All heavy atoms as atom14 arrays in JSON, in Angstrom:
{
  "sequence": "APVQLNSMLGAYTNFVNLLDMAALALPAGIRANKTGFGITLI",
  "atom14_mask": [
    [1, 1, 1, 1, 1, 0, 0, 0, 0, 0, 0, 0, 0, 0],
    [1, 1, 1, 1, 1, 1, 1, 0, 0, 0, 0, 0, 0, 0],
    [1, 1, 1, 1, 1, 1, 1, 0, 0, 0, 0, 0, 0, 0],
    [1, 1, 1, 1, 1, 1, 1, 1, 1, 0, 0, 0, 0, 0],
    [1, 1, 1, 1, 1, 1, 1, 1, 0, 0, 0, 0, 0, 0],
    [1, 1, 1, 1, 1, 1, 1, 1, 0, 0, 0, 0, 0, 0],
    [1, 1, 1, 1, 1, 1, 0, 0, 0, 0, 0, 0, 0, 0],
    [1, 1, 1, 1, 1, 1, 1, 1, 0, 0, 0, 0, 0, 0],
    [1, 1, 1, 1, 1, 1, 1, 1, 0, 0, 0, 0, 0, 0],
    [1, 1, 1, 1, 0, 0, 0, 0, 0, 0, 0, 0, 0, 0],
    [1, 1, 1, 1, 1, 0, 0, 0, 0, 0, 0, 0, 0, 0],
    [1, 1, 1, 1, 1, 1, 1, 1, 1, 1, 1, 1, 0, 0],
    [1, 1, 1, 1, 1, 1, 1, 0, 0, 0, 0, 0, 0, 0],
    [1, 1, 1, 1, 1, 1, 1, 1, 0, 0, 0, 0, 0, 0],
    [1, 1, 1, 1, 1, 1, 1, 1, 1, 1, 1, 0, 0, 0],
    [1, 1, 1, 1, 1, 1, 1, 0, 0, 0, 0, 0, 0, 0],
    [1, 1, 1, 1, 1, 1, 1, 1, 0, 0, 0, 0, 0, 0],
    [1, 1, 1, 1, 1, 1, 1, 1, 0, 0, 0, 0, 0, 0],
    [1, 1, 1, 1, 1, 1, 1, 1, 0, 0, 0, 0, 0, 0],
    [1, 1, 1, 1, 1, 1, 1, 1, 0, 0, 0, 0, 0, 0],
    [1, 1, 1, 1, 1, 1, 1, 1, 0, 0, 0, 0, 0, 0],
    [1, 1, 1, 1, 1, 0, 0, 0, 0, 0, 0, 0, 0, 0],
    [1, 1, 1, 1, 1, 0, 0, 0, 0, 0, 0, 0, 0, 0],
    [1, 1, 1, 1, 1, 1, 1, 1, 0, 0, 0, 0, 0, 0],
    [1, 1, 1, 1, 1, 0, 0, 0, 0, 0, 0, 0, 0, 0],
    [1, 1, 1, 1, 1, 1, 1, 1, 0, 0, 0, 0, 0, 0],
    [1, 1, 1, 1, 1, 1, 1, 0, 0, 0, 0, 0, 0, 0],
    [1, 1, 1, 1, 1, 0, 0, 0, 0, 0, 0, 0, 0, 0],
    [1, 1, 1, 1, 0, 0, 0, 0, 0, 0, 0, 0, 0, 0],
    [1, 1, 1, 1, 1, 1, 1, 1, 0, 0, 0, 0, 0, 0],
    [1, 1, 1, 1, 1, 1, 1, 1, 1, 1, 1, 0, 0, 0],
    [1, 1, 1, 1, 1, 0, 0, 0, 0, 0, 0, 0, 0, 0],
    [1, 1, 1, 1, 1, 1, 1, 1, 0, 0, 0, 0, 0, 0],
    [1, 1, 1, 1, 1, 1, 1, 1, 1, 0, 0, 0, 0, 0],
    [1, 1, 1, 1, 1, 1, 1, 0, 0, 0, 0, 0, 0, 0],
    [1, 1, 1, 1, 0, 0, 0, 0, 0, 0, 0, 0, 0, 0],
    [1, 1, 1, 1, 1, 1, 1, 1, 1, 1, 1, 0, 0, 0],
    [1, 1, 1, 1, 0, 0, 0, 0, 0, 0, 0, 0, 0, 0],
    [1, 1, 1, 1, 1, 1, 1, 1, 0, 0, 0, 0, 0, 0],
    [1, 1, 1, 1, 1, 1, 1, 0, 0, 0, 0, 0, 0, 0],
    [1, 1, 1, 1, 1, 1, 1, 1, 0, 0, 0, 0, 0, 0],
    [1, 1, 1, 1, 1, 1, 1, 1, 0, 0, 0, 0, 0, 0]
  ],
  "atom14_positions": [
    [[142.07, 35.04, 16.62], [141.97, 35.63, 17.97], [141.22, 34.66, 18.86], [140.1, 34.93, 19.3], [141.28, 36.98, 17.91], [0.0, 0.0, 0.0], [0.0, 0.0, 0.0], [0.0, 0.0, 0.0], [0.0, 0.0, 0.0], [0.0, 0.0, 0.0], [0.0, 0.0, 0.0], [0.0, 0.0, 0.0], [0.0, 0.0, 0.0], [0.0, 0.0, 0.0]],
    [[141.79, 33.49, 19.17], [141.03, 32.39, 19.78], [140.57, 32.64, 21.2], [139.54, 32.09, 21.61], [142.02, 31.22, 19.73], [143.37, 31.85, 19.67], [143.18, 33.11, 18.89], [0.0, 0.0, 0.0], [0.0, 0.0, 0.0], [0.0, 0.0, 0.0], [0.0, 0.0, 0.0], [0.0, 0.0, 0.0], [0.0, 0.0, 0.0], [0.0, 0.0, 0.0]],
    [[141.27, 33.43, 21.98], [140.87, 33.67, 23.36], [139.9, 34.84, 23.45], [138.85, 34.76, 24.09], [142.11, 33.89, 24.25], [141.67, 34.25, 25.68], [142.99, 32.66, 24.26], [0.0, 0.0, 0.0], [0.0, 0.0, 0.0], [0.0, 0.0, 0.0], [0.0, 0.0, 0.0], [0.0, 0.0, 0.0], [0.0, 0.0, 0.0], [0.0, 0.0, 0.0]],
    [[140.25, 35.94, 22.78], [139.41, 37.13, 22.85], [138.01, 36.87, 22.33], [137.01, 37.21, 22.99], [140.06, 38.26, 22.05], [139.22, 39.54, 22.01], [139.77, 40.56, 21.02], [140.67, 40.25, 20.24], [139.24, 41.77, 21.05], [0.0, 0.0, 0.0], [0.0, 0.0, 0.0], [0.0, 0.0, 0.0], [0.0, 0.0, 0.0], [0.0, 0.0, 0.0]],
    [[137.9, 36.27, 21.15], [136.58, 36.06, 20.56], [135.81, 34.98, 21.3], [134.59, 35.08, 21.46], [136.71, 35.71, 19.08], [137.38, 36.77, 18.2], [137.22, 36.41, 16.72], [136.82, 38.16, 18.46], [0.0, 0.0, 0.0], [0.0, 0.0, 0.0], [0.0, 0.0, 0.0], [0.0, 0.0, 0.0], [0.0, 0.0, 0.0], [0.0, 0.0, 0.0]],
    [[136.5, 33.94, 21.77], [135.81, 32.92, 22.55], [135.21, 33.51, 23.81], [134.09, 33.16, 24.21], [136.78, 31.8, 22.92], [136.1, 30.63, 23.59], [135.59, 29.72, 22.95], [136.08, 30.63, 24.92], [0.0, 0.0, 0.0], [0.0, 0.0, 0.0], [0.0, 0.0, 0.0], [0.0, 0.0, 0.0], [0.0, 0.0, 0.0], [0.0, 0.0, 0.0]],
    [[135.92, 34.43, 24.44], [135.4, 35.07, 25.66], [134.1, 35.82, 25.38], [133.2, 35.84, 26.22], [136.44, 36.03, 26.24], [137.59, 35.33, 26.64], [0.0, 0.0, 0.0], [0.0, 0.0, 0.0], [0.0, 0.0, 0.0], [0.0, 0.0, 0.0], [0.0, 0.0, 0.0], [0.0, 0.0, 0.0], [0.0, 0.0, 0.0], [0.0, 0.0, 0.0]],
    [[134.0, 36.42, 24.2], [132.77, 37.12, 23.85], [131.58, 36.17, 23.8], [130.45, 36.54, 24.14], [132.94, 37.81, 22.5], [133.95, 38.94, 22.49], [134.09, 39.68, 20.83], [135.4, 40.87, 21.11], [0.0, 0.0, 0.0], [0.0, 0.0, 0.0], [0.0, 0.0, 0.0], [0.0, 0.0, 0.0], [0.0, 0.0, 0.0], [0.0, 0.0, 0.0]],
    [[131.82, 34.92, 23.39], [130.73, 33.96, 23.27], [130.19, 33.54, 24.63], [129.05, 33.07, 24.73], [131.18, 32.73, 22.49], [131.67, 32.97, 21.06], [132.01, 31.64, 20.39], [130.63, 33.73, 20.25], [0.0, 0.0, 0.0], [0.0, 0.0, 0.0], [0.0, 0.0, 0.0], [0.0, 0.0, 0.0], [0.0, 0.0, 0.0], [0.0, 0.0, 0.0]],
    [[130.98, 33.71, 25.69], [130.54, 33.29, 27.02], [129.95, 34.4, 27.86], [129.7, 34.22, 29.05], [0.0, 0.0, 0.0], [0.0, 0.0, 0.0], [0.0, 0.0, 0.0], [0.0, 0.0, 0.0], [0.0, 0.0, 0.0], [0.0, 0.0, 0.0], [0.0, 0.0, 0.0], [0.0, 0.0, 0.0], [0.0, 0.0, 0.0], [0.0, 0.0, 0.0]],
    [[129.69, 35.55, 27.24], [129.23, 36.72, 28.01], [127.96, 36.45, 28.8], [127.76, 37.02, 29.88], [129.02, 37.9, 27.06], [0.0, 0.0, 0.0], [0.0, 0.0, 0.0], [0.0, 0.0, 0.0], [0.0, 0.0, 0.0], [0.0, 0.0, 0.0], [0.0, 0.0, 0.0], [0.0, 0.0, 0.0], [0.0, 0.0, 0.0], [0.0, 0.0, 0.0]],
    [[127.08, 35.57, 28.28], [125.78, 35.33, 28.93], [125.61, 33.89, 29.42], [124.51, 33.5, 29.79], [124.65, 35.67, 27.96], [124.74, 37.06, 27.39], [124.92, 37.27, 26.03], [124.65, 38.17, 28.23], [125.02, 38.56, 25.51], [124.75, 39.46, 27.72], [124.93, 39.65, 26.36], [125.03, 40.92, 25.86], [0.0, 0.0, 0.0], [0.0, 0.0, 0.0]],
    [[126.7, 33.11, 29.41], [126.55, 31.69, 29.75], [127.37, 31.25, 30.96], [127.01, 30.29, 31.64], [126.96, 30.8, 28.56], [128.36, 31.03, 28.25], [126.12, 31.08, 27.34], [0.0, 0.0, 0.0], [0.0, 0.0, 0.0], [0.0, 0.0, 0.0], [0.0, 0.0, 0.0], [0.0, 0.0, 0.0], [0.0, 0.0, 0.0], [0.0, 0.0, 0.0]],
    [[128.48, 31.91, 31.23], [129.47, 31.35, 32.17], [129.0, 31.28, 33.62], [129.51, 30.47, 34.4], [130.76, 32.18, 32.12], [131.56, 31.96, 30.85], [131.25, 31.09, 30.06], [132.6, 32.76, 30.67], [0.0, 0.0, 0.0], [0.0, 0.0, 0.0], [0.0, 0.0, 0.0], [0.0, 0.0, 0.0], [0.0, 0.0, 0.0], [0.0, 0.0, 0.0]],
    [[128.04, 32.1, 34.01], [127.65, 32.17, 35.43], [126.67, 31.08, 35.85], [126.51, 30.82, 37.05], [127.03, 33.53, 35.74], [125.7, 33.78, 35.05], [124.51, 33.34, 35.63], [125.64, 34.44, 33.83], [123.29, 33.56, 35.0], [124.43, 34.66, 33.2], [123.26, 34.22, 33.78], [0.0, 0.0, 0.0], [0.0, 0.0, 0.0], [0.0, 0.0, 0.0]],
    [[126.02, 30.41, 34.91], [124.83, 29.61, 35.22], [125.14, 28.45, 36.16], [124.46, 28.26, 37.18], [124.17, 29.12, 33.92], [123.02, 28.16, 34.24], [123.65, 30.3, 33.11], [0.0, 0.0, 0.0], [0.0, 0.0, 0.0], [0.0, 0.0, 0.0], [0.0, 0.0, 0.0], [0.0, 0.0, 0.0], [0.0, 0.0, 0.0], [0.0, 0.0, 0.0]],
    [[126.16, 27.65, 35.86], [126.46, 26.51, 36.72], [127.05, 26.95, 38.06], [126.79, 26.32, 39.09], [127.4, 25.55, 36.0], [126.67, 24.66, 35.02], [125.44, 24.65, 34.98], [127.4, 23.92, 34.22], [0.0, 0.0, 0.0], [0.0, 0.0, 0.0], [0.0, 0.0, 0.0], [0.0, 0.0, 0.0], [0.0, 0.0, 0.0], [0.0, 0.0, 0.0]],
    [[127.86, 27.98, 38.04], [128.43, 28.47, 39.29], [127.34, 28.88, 40.28], [127.49, 28.71, 41.49], [129.35, 29.66, 39.01], [130.73, 29.32, 38.43], [131.35, 30.56, 37.8], [131.65, 28.78, 39.53], [0.0, 0.0, 0.0], [0.0, 0.0, 0.0], [0.0, 0.0, 0.0], [0.0, 0.0, 0.0], [0.0, 0.0, 0.0], [0.0, 0.0, 0.0]],
    [[126.25, 29.42, 39.76], [125.16, 29.89, 40.61], [124.04, 28.87, 40.74], [122.94, 29.2, 41.2], [124.62, 31.22, 40.07], [125.63, 32.38, 40.1], [125.04, 33.63, 39.48], [126.1, 32.66, 41.53], [0.0, 0.0, 0.0], [0.0, 0.0, 0.0], [0.0, 0.0, 0.0], [0.0, 0.0, 0.0], [0.0, 0.0, 0.0], [0.0, 0.0, 0.0]],
    [[124.3, 27.62, 40.33], [123.37, 26.51, 40.52], [122.01, 26.77, 39.88], [120.96, 26.68, 40.51], [123.19, 26.2, 42.01], [122.59, 24.8, 42.24], [122.59, 23.99, 41.29], [122.14, 24.54, 43.37], [0.0, 0.0, 0.0], [0.0, 0.0, 0.0], [0.0, 0.0, 0.0], [0.0, 0.0, 0.0], [0.0, 0.0, 0.0], [0.0, 0.0, 0.0]],
    [[122.06, 27.08, 38.57], [120.85, 27.34, 37.82], [120.68, 26.32, 36.7], [121.65, 25.68, 36.27], [120.89, 28.76, 37.22], [120.98, 29.87, 38.25], [121.17, 31.5, 37.47], [121.29, 32.56, 38.91], [0.0, 0.0, 0.0], [0.0, 0.0, 0.0], [0.0, 0.0, 0.0], [0.0, 0.0, 0.0], [0.0, 0.0, 0.0], [0.0, 0.0, 0.0]],
    [[119.46, 26.17, 36.23], [119.17, 25.39, 35.03], [118.96, 26.35, 33.88], [118.59, 27.51, 34.08], [117.92, 24.54, 35.25], [0.0, 0.0, 0.0], [0.0, 0.0, 0.0], [0.0, 0.0, 0.0], [0.0, 0.0, 0.0], [0.0, 0.0, 0.0], [0.0, 0.0, 0.0], [0.0, 0.0, 0.0], [0.0, 0.0, 0.0], [0.0, 0.0, 0.0]],
    [[119.19, 25.88, 32.65], [119.06, 26.77, 31.49], [118.61, 25.99, 30.27], [118.94, 24.81, 30.11], [120.39, 27.47, 31.21], [0.0, 0.0, 0.0], [0.0, 0.0, 0.0], [0.0, 0.0, 0.0], [0.0, 0.0, 0.0], [0.0, 0.0, 0.0], [0.0, 0.0, 0.0], [0.0, 0.0, 0.0], [0.0, 0.0, 0.0], [0.0, 0.0, 0.0]],
    [[117.87, 26.67, 29.41], [117.41, 26.08, 28.16], [117.58, 27.1, 27.04], [116.93, 28.16, 27.04], [115.94, 25.66, 28.27], [115.27, 25.13, 27.0], [116.03, 23.92, 26.43], [113.82, 24.75, 27.27], [0.0, 0.0, 0.0], [0.0, 0.0, 0.0], [0.0, 0.0, 0.0], [0.0, 0.0, 0.0], [0.0, 0.0, 0.0], [0.0, 0.0, 0.0]],
    [[118.48, 26.8, 26.11], [118.67, 27.66, 24.94], [117.67, 27.26, 23.87], [117.44, 26.07, 23.63], [120.1, 27.51, 24.42], [0.0, 0.0, 0.0], [0.0, 0.0, 0.0], [0.0, 0.0, 0.0], [0.0, 0.0, 0.0], [0.0, 0.0, 0.0], [0.0, 0.0, 0.0], [0.0, 0.0, 0.0], [0.0, 0.0, 0.0], [0.0, 0.0, 0.0]],
    [[117.09, 28.25, 23.21], [116.12, 27.96, 22.15], [116.32, 28.93, 20.99], [116.79, 30.06, 21.18], [114.7, 28.02, 22.68], [114.18, 29.34, 23.25], [112.67, 29.44, 23.04], [114.48, 29.42, 24.75], [0.0, 0.0, 0.0], [0.0, 0.0, 0.0], [0.0, 0.0, 0.0], [0.0, 0.0, 0.0], [0.0, 0.0, 0.0], [0.0, 0.0, 0.0]],
    [[115.96, 28.52, 19.77], [116.14, 29.38, 18.61], [115.2, 30.57, 18.67], [114.05, 30.46, 19.08], [115.8, 28.47, 17.42], [115.74, 27.08, 17.97], [115.39, 27.21, 19.42], [0.0, 0.0, 0.0], [0.0, 0.0, 0.0], [0.0, 0.0, 0.0], [0.0, 0.0, 0.0], [0.0, 0.0, 0.0], [0.0, 0.0, 0.0], [0.0, 0.0, 0.0]],
    [[115.7, 31.73, 18.22], [114.86, 32.93, 18.19], [114.88, 33.63, 16.84], [114.02, 34.47, 16.59], [115.29, 33.91, 19.28], [0.0, 0.0, 0.0], [0.0, 0.0, 0.0], [0.0, 0.0, 0.0], [0.0, 0.0, 0.0], [0.0, 0.0, 0.0], [0.0, 0.0, 0.0], [0.0, 0.0, 0.0], [0.0, 0.0, 0.0], [0.0, 0.0, 0.0]],
    [[115.82, 33.31, 15.98], [115.86, 33.98, 14.69], [117.05, 33.55, 13.86], [117.94, 32.84, 14.33], [0.0, 0.0, 0.0], [0.0, 0.0, 0.0], [0.0, 0.0, 0.0], [0.0, 0.0, 0.0], [0.0, 0.0, 0.0], [0.0, 0.0, 0.0], [0.0, 0.0, 0.0], [0.0, 0.0, 0.0], [0.0, 0.0, 0.0], [0.0, 0.0, 0.0]],
    [[117.05, 33.99, 12.62], [118.08, 33.61, 11.65], [118.76, 34.87, 11.13], [118.09, 35.79, 10.66], [117.47, 32.83, 10.47], [116.7, 31.6, 10.98], [118.55, 32.4, 9.47], [115.92, 30.88, 9.89], [0.0, 0.0, 0.0], [0.0, 0.0, 0.0], [0.0, 0.0, 0.0], [0.0, 0.0, 0.0], [0.0, 0.0, 0.0], [0.0, 0.0, 0.0]],
    [[120.08, 34.9, 11.21], [120.83, 36.01, 10.62], [120.85, 35.87, 9.1], [120.56, 34.8, 8.55], [122.26, 36.04, 11.15], [122.38, 36.29, 12.65], [123.85, 36.39, 13.05], [124.01, 36.53, 14.49], [124.1, 35.5, 15.34], [124.05, 34.26, 14.87], [124.24, 35.7, 16.64], [0.0, 0.0, 0.0], [0.0, 0.0, 0.0], [0.0, 0.0, 0.0]],
    [[121.24, 36.96, 8.43], [121.32, 36.92, 6.97], [122.32, 35.88, 6.48], [122.17, 35.34, 5.39], [121.71, 38.3, 6.45], [0.0, 0.0, 0.0], [0.0, 0.0, 0.0], [0.0, 0.0, 0.0], [0.0, 0.0, 0.0], [0.0, 0.0, 0.0], [0.0, 0.0, 0.0], [0.0, 0.0, 0.0], [0.0, 0.0, 0.0], [0.0, 0.0, 0.0]],
    [[123.31, 35.57, 7.31], [124.3, 34.56, 6.91], [123.86, 33.13, 7.24], [124.65, 32.2, 7.14], [125.66, 34.85, 7.55], [125.6, 34.87, 9.07], [124.77, 34.21, 9.7], [126.48, 35.64, 9.68], [0.0, 0.0, 0.0], [0.0, 0.0, 0.0], [0.0, 0.0, 0.0], [0.0, 0.0, 0.0], [0.0, 0.0, 0.0], [0.0, 0.0, 0.0]],
    [[122.61, 32.95, 7.65], [121.96, 31.67, 7.93], [122.36, 31.04, 9.27], [121.87, 29.96, 9.61], [122.19, 30.67, 6.8], [121.67, 31.16, 5.45], [121.84, 30.13, 4.36], [121.33, 30.66, 3.02], [121.51, 29.69, 1.93], [0.0, 0.0, 0.0], [0.0, 0.0, 0.0], [0.0, 0.0, 0.0], [0.0, 0.0, 0.0], [0.0, 0.0, 0.0]],
    [[123.22, 31.7, 10.04], [123.5, 31.19, 11.37], [122.37, 31.58, 12.31], [121.6, 32.5, 12.04], [124.83, 31.75, 11.9], [124.74, 33.17, 12.04], [125.98, 31.41, 10.95], [0.0, 0.0, 0.0], [0.0, 0.0, 0.0], [0.0, 0.0, 0.0], [0.0, 0.0, 0.0], [0.0, 0.0, 0.0], [0.0, 0.0, 0.0], [0.0, 0.0, 0.0]],
    [[122.29, 30.89, 13.44], [121.19, 31.1, 14.35], [121.49, 32.1, 15.45], [122.63, 32.2, 15.92], [0.0, 0.0, 0.0], [0.0, 0.0, 0.0], [0.0, 0.0, 0.0], [0.0, 0.0, 0.0], [0.0, 0.0, 0.0], [0.0, 0.0, 0.0], [0.0, 0.0, 0.0], [0.0, 0.0, 0.0], [0.0, 0.0, 0.0], [0.0, 0.0, 0.0]],
    [[120.48, 32.82, 15.86], [120.52, 33.61, 17.09], [119.6, 32.95, 18.09], [118.43, 32.67, 17.78], [120.08, 35.05, 16.86], [119.96, 35.84, 18.14], [121.09, 36.38, 18.73], [118.73, 36.01, 18.77], [121.0, 37.09, 19.92], [118.62, 36.73, 19.96], [119.76, 37.26, 20.54], [0.0, 0.0, 0.0], [0.0, 0.0, 0.0], [0.0, 0.0, 0.0]],
    [[120.1, 32.69, 19.3], [119.29, 32.02, 20.3], [119.12, 32.86, 21.55], [119.9, 33.78, 21.83], [0.0, 0.0, 0.0], [0.0, 0.0, 0.0], [0.0, 0.0, 0.0], [0.0, 0.0, 0.0], [0.0, 0.0, 0.0], [0.0, 0.0, 0.0], [0.0, 0.0, 0.0], [0.0, 0.0, 0.0], [0.0, 0.0, 0.0], [0.0, 0.0, 0.0]],
    [[118.09, 32.53, 22.29], [117.85, 33.11, 23.61], [117.87, 31.98, 24.62], [117.68, 30.82, 24.27], [116.52, 33.88, 23.66], [115.35, 32.96, 23.25], [116.58, 35.11, 22.77], [113.98, 33.63, 23.32], [0.0, 0.0, 0.0], [0.0, 0.0, 0.0], [0.0, 0.0, 0.0], [0.0, 0.0, 0.0], [0.0, 0.0, 0.0], [0.0, 0.0, 0.0]],
    [[118.12, 32.32, 25.87], [118.2, 31.29, 26.91], [117.31, 31.65, 28.08], [117.42, 32.75, 28.65], [119.65, 31.13, 27.39], [120.47, 30.69, 26.31], [119.73, 30.08, 28.5], [0.0, 0.0, 0.0], [0.0, 0.0, 0.0], [0.0, 0.0, 0.0], [0.0, 0.0, 0.0], [0.0, 0.0, 0.0], [0.0, 0.0, 0.0], [0.0, 0.0, 0.0]],
    [[116.45, 30.72, 28.43], [115.65, 30.82, 29.66], [116.43, 30.18, 30.79], [117.01, 29.1, 30.63], [114.32, 30.1, 29.47], [113.29, 30.81, 28.58], [112.23, 29.83, 28.12], [112.65, 31.98, 29.34], [0.0, 0.0, 0.0], [0.0, 0.0, 0.0], [0.0, 0.0, 0.0], [0.0, 0.0, 0.0], [0.0, 0.0, 0.0], [0.0, 0.0, 0.0]],
    [[116.46, 30.85, 31.94], [117.26, 30.4, 33.08], [116.39, 30.42, 34.32], [115.61, 31.36, 34.54], [118.48, 31.31, 33.27], [119.35, 31.3, 32.01], [119.31, 30.87, 34.47], [120.43, 32.37, 32.01], [0.0, 0.0, 0.0], [0.0, 0.0, 0.0], [0.0, 0.0, 0.0], [0.0, 0.0, 0.0], [0.0, 0.0, 0.0], [0.0, 0.0, 0.0]]
  ]
}
């Protein structure tokens, strides 16, 4: 499901450049599957 799931990944990122903002993603935790969960300061 390459379009549907990819769109979910952009739920909190797509607006930043359009609105002329700076952003910094940083690690916040580890899921049980060892992938990272991050938060973004804007």
